[in-house]
Amino acid sequence: MEHSDFDKVRASVKQQCGNKVVIQLDKGRNKVDIQEGIIQEAYPSVFTILTDDTEEKPSQLLSFSYTDIITKEIRMKLC
């Protein structure tokens, strides 16, 4: 992983703050969790997403590192 990749991902996420995204969380052993939410804040090492309130799950504030995107532990798609 190059430092420039990290900077590109961080800049991209920061630019999308306030936008709605679909996130796919890889939980291992073929388990995947898909949630929708809004990117709240972008900090130097992490960013936060406020998930939508559904019948199954109340809204949550999740935090991820930019490395999670680079290593494909999570995948994000703009809505």
PDB file of N, CA and C in Angstrom:
ATOM      1  N   MET A   1       0.841  -1.172   0.000  1.00  0.00           N
ATOM      2  CA  MET A   1       0.000   0.000   0.000  1.00  0.00           C
ATOM      3  C   MET A   1       0.890   1.241   0.000  1.00  0.00           C
ATOM      4  N   GLU A   2       0.657   2.089  -0.941  1.00  0.00           N
ATOM      5  CA  GLU A   2       1.430   3.312  -1.038  1.00  0.00           C
ATOM      6  C   GLU A   2       0.734   4.446  -0.298  1.00  0.00           C
ATOM      7  N   HIS A   3       1.526   5.392   0.145  1.00  0.00           N
ATOM      8  CA  HIS A   3       0.978   6.536   0.866  1.00  0.00           C
ATOM      9  C   HIS A   3       0.054   7.354  -0.031  1.00  0.00           C
ATOM     10  N   SER A   4       0.347   7.396  -1.327  1.00  0.00           N
ATOM     11  CA  SER A   4      -0.492   8.168  -2.251  1.00  0.00           C
ATOM     12  C   SER A   4      -1.885   7.543  -2.384  1.00  0.00           C
ATOM     13  N   ASP A   5      -1.975   6.198  -2.315  1.00  0.00           N
ATOM     14  CA  ASP A   5      -3.283   5.529  -2.357  1.00  0.00           C
ATOM     15  C   ASP A   5      -4.123   5.959  -1.164  1.00  0.00           C
ATOM     16  N   PHE A   6      -3.502   5.987  -0.007  1.00  0.00           N
ATOM     17  CA  PHE A   6      -4.179   6.387   1.223  1.00  0.00           C
ATOM     18  C   PHE A   6      -4.700   7.813   1.099  1.00  0.00           C
ATOM     19  N   ASP A   7      -3.868   8.716   0.577  1.00  0.00           N
ATOM     20  CA  ASP A   7      -4.263  10.116   0.412  1.00  0.00           C
ATOM     21  C   ASP A   7      -5.410  10.265  -0.582  1.00  0.00           C
ATOM     22  N   LYS A   8      -5.388   9.484  -1.656  1.00  0.00           N
ATOM     23  CA  LYS A   8      -6.459   9.542  -2.654  1.00  0.00           C
ATOM     24  C   LYS A   8      -7.786   9.089  -2.059  1.00  0.00           C
ATOM     25  N   VAL A   9      -7.759   7.999  -1.297  1.00  0.00           N
ATOM     26  CA  VAL A   9      -8.975   7.485  -0.674  1.00  0.00           C
ATOM     27  C   VAL A   9      -9.504   8.497   0.340  1.00  0.00           C
ATOM     28  N   ARG A  10      -8.619   9.049   1.159  1.00  0.00           N
ATOM     29  CA  ARG A  10      -9.022  10.037   2.168  1.00  0.00           C
ATOM     30  C   ARG A  10      -9.653  11.261   1.502  1.00  0.00           C
ATOM     31  N   ALA A  11      -9.049  11.759   0.435  1.00  0.00           N
ATOM     32  CA  ALA A  11      -9.592  12.930  -0.273  1.00  0.00           C
ATOM     33  C   ALA A  11     -10.953  12.620  -0.892  1.00  0.00           C
ATOM     34  N   SER A  12     -11.096  11.430  -1.441  1.00  0.00           N
ATOM     35  CA  SER A  12     -12.359  11.032  -2.058  1.00  0.00           C
ATOM     36  C   SER A  12     -13.479  10.937  -1.020  1.00  0.00           C
ATOM     37  N   VAL A  13     -13.193  10.326   0.122  1.00  0.00           N
ATOM     38  CA  VAL A  13     -14.200  10.205   1.176  1.00  0.00           C
ATOM     39  C   VAL A  13     -14.556  11.583   1.724  1.00  0.00           C
ATOM     40  N   LYS A  14     -13.567  12.424   1.944  1.00  0.00           N
ATOM     41  CA  LYS A  14     -13.818  13.769   2.473  1.00  0.00           C
ATOM     42  C   LYS A  14     -14.697  14.573   1.527  1.00  0.00           C
ATOM     43  N   GLN A  15     -14.491  14.398   0.236  1.00  0.00           N
ATOM     44  CA  GLN A  15     -15.276  15.111  -0.768  1.00  0.00           C
ATOM     45  C   GLN A  15     -16.739  14.651  -0.759  1.00  0.00           C
ATOM     46  N   GLN A  16     -16.990  13.415  -0.325  1.00  0.00           N
ATOM     47  CA  GLN A  16     -18.338  12.850  -0.340  1.00  0.00           C
ATOM     48  C   GLN A  16     -19.084  13.016   0.988  1.00  0.00           C
ATOM     49  N   CYS A  17     -18.527  13.738   1.943  1.00  0.00           N
ATOM     50  CA  CYS A  17     -19.192  13.954   3.236  1.00  0.00           C
ATOM     51  C   CYS A  17     -20.589  14.519   3.011  1.00  0.00           C
ATOM     52  N   GLY A  18     -21.570  13.955   3.713  1.00  0.00           N
ATOM     53  CA  GLY A  18     -22.952  14.393   3.583  1.00  0.00           C
ATOM     54  C   GLY A  18     -23.731  13.621   2.540  1.00  0.00           C
ATOM     55  N   ASN A  19     -23.063  12.826   1.738  1.00  0.00           N
ATOM     56  CA  ASN A  19     -23.733  12.061   0.698  1.00  0.00           C
ATOM     57  C   ASN A  19     -24.135  10.682   1.210  1.00  0.00           C
ATOM     58  N   LYS A  20     -25.184  10.150   0.617  1.00  0.00           N
ATOM     59  CA  LYS A  20     -25.683   8.828   0.986  1.00  0.00           C
ATOM     60  C   LYS A  20     -24.890   7.757   0.238  1.00  0.00           C
ATOM     61  N   VAL A  21     -24.534   6.687   0.961  1.00  0.00           N
ATOM     62  CA  VAL A  21     -23.764   5.596   0.377  1.00  0.00           C
ATOM     63  C   VAL A  21     -24.357   4.253   0.803  1.00  0.00           C
ATOM     64  N   VAL A  22     -24.051   3.233   0.021  1.00  0.00           N
ATOM     65  CA  VAL A  22     -24.324   1.846   0.394  1.00  0.00           C
ATOM     66  C   VAL A  22     -22.983   1.234   0.733  1.00  0.00           C
ATOM     67  N   ILE A  23     -22.891   0.628   1.912  1.00  0.00           N
ATOM     68  CA  ILE A  23     -21.641  -0.010   2.302  1.00  0.00           C
ATOM     69  C   ILE A  23     -21.846  -1.510   2.409  1.00  0.00           C
ATOM     70  N   GLN A  24     -20.862  -2.233   1.915  1.00  0.00           N
ATOM     71  CA  GLN A  24     -20.858  -3.690   1.981  1.00  0.00           C
ATOM     72  C   GLN A  24     -19.702  -4.082   2.888  1.00  0.00           C
ATOM     73  N   LEU A  25     -20.030  -4.668   4.040  1.00  0.00           N
ATOM     74  CA  LEU A  25     -19.026  -5.048   5.029  1.00  0.00           C
ATOM     75  C   LEU A  25     -18.709  -6.526   4.876  1.00  0.00           C
ATOM     76  N   ASP A  26     -17.454  -6.837   4.671  1.00  0.00           N
ATOM     77  CA  ASP A  26     -17.014  -8.228   4.579  1.00  0.00           C
ATOM     78  C   ASP A  26     -16.706  -8.706   5.989  1.00  0.00           C
ATOM     79  N   LYS A  27     -17.527  -9.633   6.491  1.00  0.00           N
ATOM     80  CA  LYS A  27     -17.346 -10.115   7.859  1.00  0.00           C
ATOM     81  C   LYS A  27     -16.625 -11.456   7.916  1.00  0.00           C
ATOM     82  N   GLY A  28     -16.096 -11.920   6.793  1.00  0.00           N
ATOM     83  CA  GLY A  28     -15.348 -13.172   6.764  1.00  0.00           C
ATOM     84  C   GLY A  28     -16.264 -14.381   6.625  1.00  0.00           C
ATOM     85  N   ARG A  29     -15.673 -15.475   6.207  1.00  0.00           N
ATOM     86  CA  ARG A  29     -16.403 -16.746   6.029  1.00  0.00           C
ATOM     87  C   ARG A  29     -17.684 -16.568   5.230  1.00  0.00           C
ATOM     88  N   ASN A  30     -17.584 -15.849   4.133  1.00  0.00           N
ATOM     89  CA  ASN A  30     -18.695 -15.610   3.214  1.00  0.00           C
ATOM     90  C   ASN A  30     -19.879 -14.885   3.857  1.00  0.00           C
ATOM     91  N   LYS A  31     -19.627 -14.110   4.896  1.00  0.00           N
ATOM     92  CA  LYS A  31     -20.673 -13.316   5.527  1.00  0.00           C
ATOM     93  C   LYS A  31     -20.503 -11.868   5.101  1.00  0.00           C
ATOM     94  N   VAL A  32     -21.588 -11.294   4.600  1.00  0.00           N
ATOM     95  CA  VAL A  32     -21.564  -9.915   4.114  1.00  0.00           C
ATOM     96  C   VAL A  32     -22.752  -9.175   4.713  1.00  0.00           C
ATOM     97  N   ASP A  33     -22.515  -7.965   5.178  1.00  0.00           N
ATOM     98  CA  ASP A  33     -23.565  -7.110   5.720  1.00  0.00           C
ATOM     99  C   ASP A  33     -23.662  -5.880   4.827  1.00  0.00           C
ATOM    100  N   ILE A  34     -24.856  -5.578   4.335  1.00  0.00           N
ATOM    101  CA  ILE A  34     -25.055  -4.419   3.468  1.00  0.00           C
ATOM    102  C   ILE A  34     -25.937  -3.416   4.199  1.00  0.00           C
ATOM    103  N   GLN A  35     -25.475  -2.173   4.284  1.00  0.00           N
ATOM    104  CA  GLN A  35     -26.217  -1.115   4.962  1.00  0.00           C
ATOM    105  C   GLN A  35     -26.132   0.164   4.162  1.00  0.00           C
ATOM    106  N   GLU A  36     -27.133   1.029   4.364  1.00  0.00           N
ATOM    107  CA  GLU A  36     -27.125   2.350   3.747  1.00  0.00           C
ATOM    108  C   GLU A  36     -26.926   3.389   4.832  1.00  0.00           C
ATOM    109  N   GLY A  37     -26.252   4.463   4.477  1.00  0.00           N
ATOM    110  CA  GLY A  37     -26.029   5.517   5.449  1.00  0.00           C
ATOM    111  C   GLY A  37     -25.458   6.767   4.808  1.00  0.00           C
ATOM    112  N   ILE A  38     -25.139   7.730   5.648  1.00  0.00           N
ATOM    113  CA  ILE A  38     -24.602   9.013   5.201  1.00  0.00           C
ATOM    114  C   ILE A  38     -23.221   9.195   5.811  1.00  0.00           C
ATOM    115  N   ILE A  39     -22.267   9.590   4.977  1.00  0.00           N
ATOM    116  CA  ILE A  39     -20.919   9.865   5.483  1.00  0.00           C
ATOM    117  C   ILE A  39     -20.998  11.134   6.326  1.00  0.00           C
ATOM    118  N   GLN A  40     -20.672  11.015   7.619  1.00  0.00           N
ATOM    119  CA  GLN A  40     -20.793  12.133   8.547  1.00  0.00           C
ATOM    120  C   GLN A  40     -19.543  12.997   8.575  1.00  0.00           C
ATOM    121  N   GLU A  41     -18.410  12.392   8.900  1.00  0.00           N
ATOM    122  CA  GLU A  41     -17.170  13.143   9.083  1.00  0.00           C
ATOM    123  C   GLU A  41     -16.000  12.361   8.492  1.00  0.00           C
ATOM    124  N   ALA A  42     -14.987  13.081   8.075  1.00  0.00           N
ATOM    125  CA  ALA A  42     -13.739  12.475   7.602  1.00  0.00           C
ATOM    126  C   ALA A  42     -12.602  13.037   8.453  1.00  0.00           C
ATOM    127  N   TYR A  43     -11.997  12.186   9.241  1.00  0.00           N
ATOM    128  CA  TYR A  43     -10.893  12.566  10.106  1.00  0.00           C
ATOM    129  C   TYR A  43      -9.583  12.112   9.460  1.00  0.00           C
ATOM    130  N   PRO A  44      -8.431  12.479  10.020  1.00  0.00           N
ATOM    131  CA  PRO A  44      -7.157  12.103   9.397  1.00  0.00           C
ATOM    132  C   PRO A  44      -6.950  10.589   9.224  1.00  0.00           C
ATOM    133  N   SER A  45      -7.434   9.777  10.157  1.00  0.00           N
ATOM    134  CA  SER A  45      -7.201   8.334  10.067  1.00  0.00           C
ATOM    135  C   SER A  45      -8.458   7.505   9.836  1.00  0.00           C
ATOM    136  N   VAL A  46      -9.628   8.065  10.174  1.00  0.00           N
ATOM    137  CA  VAL A  46     -10.889   7.330  10.056  1.00  0.00           C
ATOM    138  C   VAL A  46     -11.984   8.240   9.503  1.00  0.00           C
ATOM    139  N   PHE A  47     -13.110   7.607   9.126  1.00  0.00           N
ATOM    140  CA  PHE A  47     -14.295   8.354   8.739  1.00  0.00           C
ATOM    141  C   PHE A  47     -15.504   7.661   9.360  1.00  0.00           C
ATOM    142  N   THR A  48     -16.597   8.408   9.522  1.00  0.00           N
ATOM    143  CA  THR A  48     -17.784   7.867  10.162  1.00  0.00           C
ATOM    144  C   THR A  48     -18.968   7.889   9.204  1.00  0.00           C
ATOM    145  N   ILE A  49     -19.825   6.879   9.370  1.00  0.00           N
ATOM    146  CA  ILE A  49     -21.045   6.751   8.578  1.00  0.00           C
ATOM    147  C   ILE A  49     -22.204   6.526   9.537  1.00  0.00           C
ATOM    148  N   LEU A  50     -23.273   7.322   9.409  1.00  0.00           N
ATOM    149  CA  LEU A  50     -24.483   7.145  10.190  1.00  0.00           C
ATOM    150  C   LEU A  50     -25.433   6.307   9.353  1.00  0.00           C
ATOM    151  N   THR A  51     -25.712   5.077   9.814  1.00  0.00           N
ATOM    152  CA  THR A  51     -26.559   4.164   9.047  1.00  0.00           C
ATOM    153  C   THR A  51     -28.023   4.560   9.182  1.00  0.00           C
ATOM    154  N   ASP A  52     -28.809   4.129   8.195  1.00  0.00           N
ATOM    155  CA  ASP A  52     -30.241   4.411   8.210  1.00  0.00           C
ATOM    156  C   ASP A  52     -30.938   3.563   9.268  1.00  0.00           C
ATOM    157  N   ASP A  53     -32.013   4.097   9.815  1.00  0.00           N
ATOM    158  CA  ASP A  53     -32.826   3.400  10.805  1.00  0.00           C
ATOM    159  C   ASP A  53     -33.781   2.458  10.066  1.00  0.00           C
ATOM    160  N   THR A  54     -33.693   1.154  10.353  1.00  0.00           N
ATOM    161  CA  THR A  54     -34.580   0.167   9.738  1.00  0.00           C
ATOM    162  C   THR A  54     -35.310  -0.603  10.826  1.00  0.00           C
ATOM    163  N   GLU A  55     -36.252  -1.452  10.411  1.00  0.00           N
ATOM    164  CA  GLU A  55     -36.989  -2.260  11.379  1.00  0.00           C
ATOM    165  C   GLU A  55     -36.065  -3.255  12.083  1.00  0.00           C
ATOM    166  N   GLU A  56     -35.086  -3.785  11.348  1.00  0.00           N
ATOM    167  CA  GLU A  56     -34.178  -4.778  11.923  1.00  0.00           C
ATOM    168  C   GLU A  56     -33.133  -4.150  12.831  1.00  0.00           C
ATOM    169  N   LYS A  57     -32.637  -2.974  12.439  1.00  0.00           N
ATOM    170  CA  LYS A  57     -31.543  -2.337  13.176  1.00  0.00           C
ATOM    171  C   LYS A  57     -31.814  -0.850  13.345  1.00  0.00           C
ATOM    172  N   PRO A  58     -31.590  -0.324  14.552  1.00  0.00           N
ATOM    173  CA  PRO A  58     -31.663   1.138  14.708  1.00  0.00           C
ATOM    174  C   PRO A  58     -30.437   1.780  14.053  1.00  0.00           C
ATOM    175  N   SER A  59     -30.482   3.086  13.858  1.00  0.00           N
ATOM    176  CA  SER A  59     -29.334   3.747  13.228  1.00  0.00           C
ATOM    177  C   SER A  59     -28.112   3.647  14.139  1.00  0.00           C
ATOM    178  N   GLN A  60     -26.944   3.542  13.514  1.00  0.00           N
ATOM    179  CA  GLN A  60     -25.682   3.409  14.234  1.00  0.00           C
ATOM    180  C   GLN A  60     -24.672   4.357  13.616  1.00  0.00           C
ATOM    181  N   LEU A  61     -23.718   4.772  14.418  1.00  0.00           N
ATOM    182  CA  LEU A  61     -22.598   5.546  13.910  1.00  0.00           C
ATOM    183  C   LEU A  61     -21.414   4.584  13.817  1.00  0.00           C
ATOM    184  N   LEU A  62     -21.021   4.258  12.593  1.00  0.00           N
ATOM    185  CA  LEU A  62     -19.926   3.323  12.361  1.00  0.00           C
ATOM    186  C   LEU A  62     -18.684   4.089  11.955  1.00  0.00           C
ATOM    187  N   SER A  63     -17.533   3.607  12.378  1.00  0.00           N
ATOM    188  CA  SER A  63     -16.285   4.242  11.952  1.00  0.00           C
ATOM    189  C   SER A  63     -15.424   3.217  11.230  1.00  0.00           C
ATOM    190  N   PHE A  64     -14.739   3.683  10.213  1.00  0.00           N
ATOM    191  CA  PHE A  64     -13.870   2.837   9.397  1.00  0.00           C
ATOM    192  C   PHE A  64     -12.567   3.578   9.129  1.00  0.00           C
ATOM    193  N   SER A  65     -11.522   2.824   8.902  1.00  0.00           N
ATOM    194  CA  SER A  65     -10.269   3.455   8.493  1.00  0.00           C
ATOM    195  C   SER A  65     -10.224   3.452   6.967  1.00  0.00           C
ATOM    196  N   TYR A  66      -9.415   4.308   6.424  1.00  0.00           N
ATOM    197  CA  TYR A  66      -9.266   4.359   4.969  1.00  0.00           C
ATOM    198  C   TYR A  66      -8.609   3.079   4.455  1.00  0.00           C
ATOM    199  N   THR A  67      -7.841   2.433   5.317  1.00  0.00           N
ATOM    200  CA  THR A  67      -7.209   1.171   4.955  1.00  0.00           C
ATOM    201  C   THR A  67      -8.254   0.091   4.699  1.00  0.00           C
ATOM    202  N   ASP A  68      -9.412   0.166   5.383  1.00  0.00           N
ATOM    203  CA  ASP A  68     -10.488  -0.801   5.144  1.00  0.00           C
ATOM    204  C   ASP A  68     -10.957  -0.764   3.695  1.00  0.00           C
ATOM    205  N   ILE A  69     -10.955   0.412   3.097  1.00  0.00           N
ATOM    206  CA  ILE A  69     -11.351   0.529   1.688  1.00  0.00           C
ATOM    207  C   ILE A  69     -10.249  -0.012   0.784  1.00  0.00           C
ATOM    208  N   ILE A  70      -9.017   0.327   1.093  1.00  0.00           N
ATOM    209  CA  ILE A  70      -7.896  -0.119   0.263  1.00  0.00           C
ATOM    210  C   ILE A  70      -7.773  -1.640   0.274  1.00  0.00           C
ATOM    211  N   THR A  71      -7.967  -2.255   1.445  1.00  0.00           N
ATOM    212  CA  THR A  71      -7.860  -3.718   1.558  1.00  0.00           C
ATOM    213  C   THR A  71      -9.158  -4.423   1.193  1.00  0.00           C
ATOM    214  N   LYS A  72     -10.192  -3.660   0.830  1.00  0.00           N
ATOM    215  CA  LYS A  72     -11.492  -4.165   0.392  1.00  0.00           C
ATOM    216  C   LYS A  72     -12.242  -4.924   1.486  1.00  0.00           C
ATOM    217  N   GLU A  73     -12.024  -4.537   2.750  1.00  0.00           N
ATOM    218  CA  GLU A  73     -12.834  -5.090   3.824  1.00  0.00           C
ATOM    219  C   GLU A  73     -14.212  -4.458   3.817  1.00  0.00           C
ATOM    220  N   ILE A  74     -14.300  -3.236   3.297  1.00  0.00           N
ATOM    221  CA  ILE A  74     -15.600  -2.616   3.029  1.00  0.00           C
ATOM    222  C   ILE A  74     -15.585  -2.076   1.609  1.00  0.00           C
ATOM    223  N   ARG A  75     -16.765  -2.002   1.038  1.00  0.00           N
ATOM    224  CA  ARG A  75     -16.916  -1.402  -0.292  1.00  0.00           C
ATOM    225  C   ARG A  75     -18.034  -0.393  -0.189  1.00  0.00           C
ATOM    226  N   MET A  76     -17.809   0.757  -0.792  1.00  0.00           N
ATOM    227  CA  MET A  76     -18.806   1.830  -0.751  1.00  0.00           C
ATOM    228  C   MET A  76     -19.227   2.196  -2.159  1.00  0.00           C
ATOM    229  N   LYS A  77     -20.526   2.515  -2.277  1.00  0.00           N
ATOM    230  CA  LYS A  77     -21.065   2.956  -3.549  1.00  0.00           C
ATOM    231  C   LYS A  77     -22.016   4.115  -3.269  1.00  0.00           C
ATOM    232  N   LEU A  78     -21.865   5.204  -4.001  1.00  0.00           N
ATOM    233  CA  LEU A  78     -22.748   6.360  -3.834  1.00  0.00           C
ATOM    234  C   LEU A  78     -24.146   6.015  -4.305  1.00  0.00           C
ATOM    235  N   CYS A  79     -25.144   6.549  -3.603  1.00  0.00           N
ATOM    236  CA  CYS A  79     -26.554   6.338  -4.001  1.00  0.00           C
ATOM    237  C   CYS A  79     -27.017   7.458  -4.898  1.00  0.00           C
TER     238      CYS A  79
END
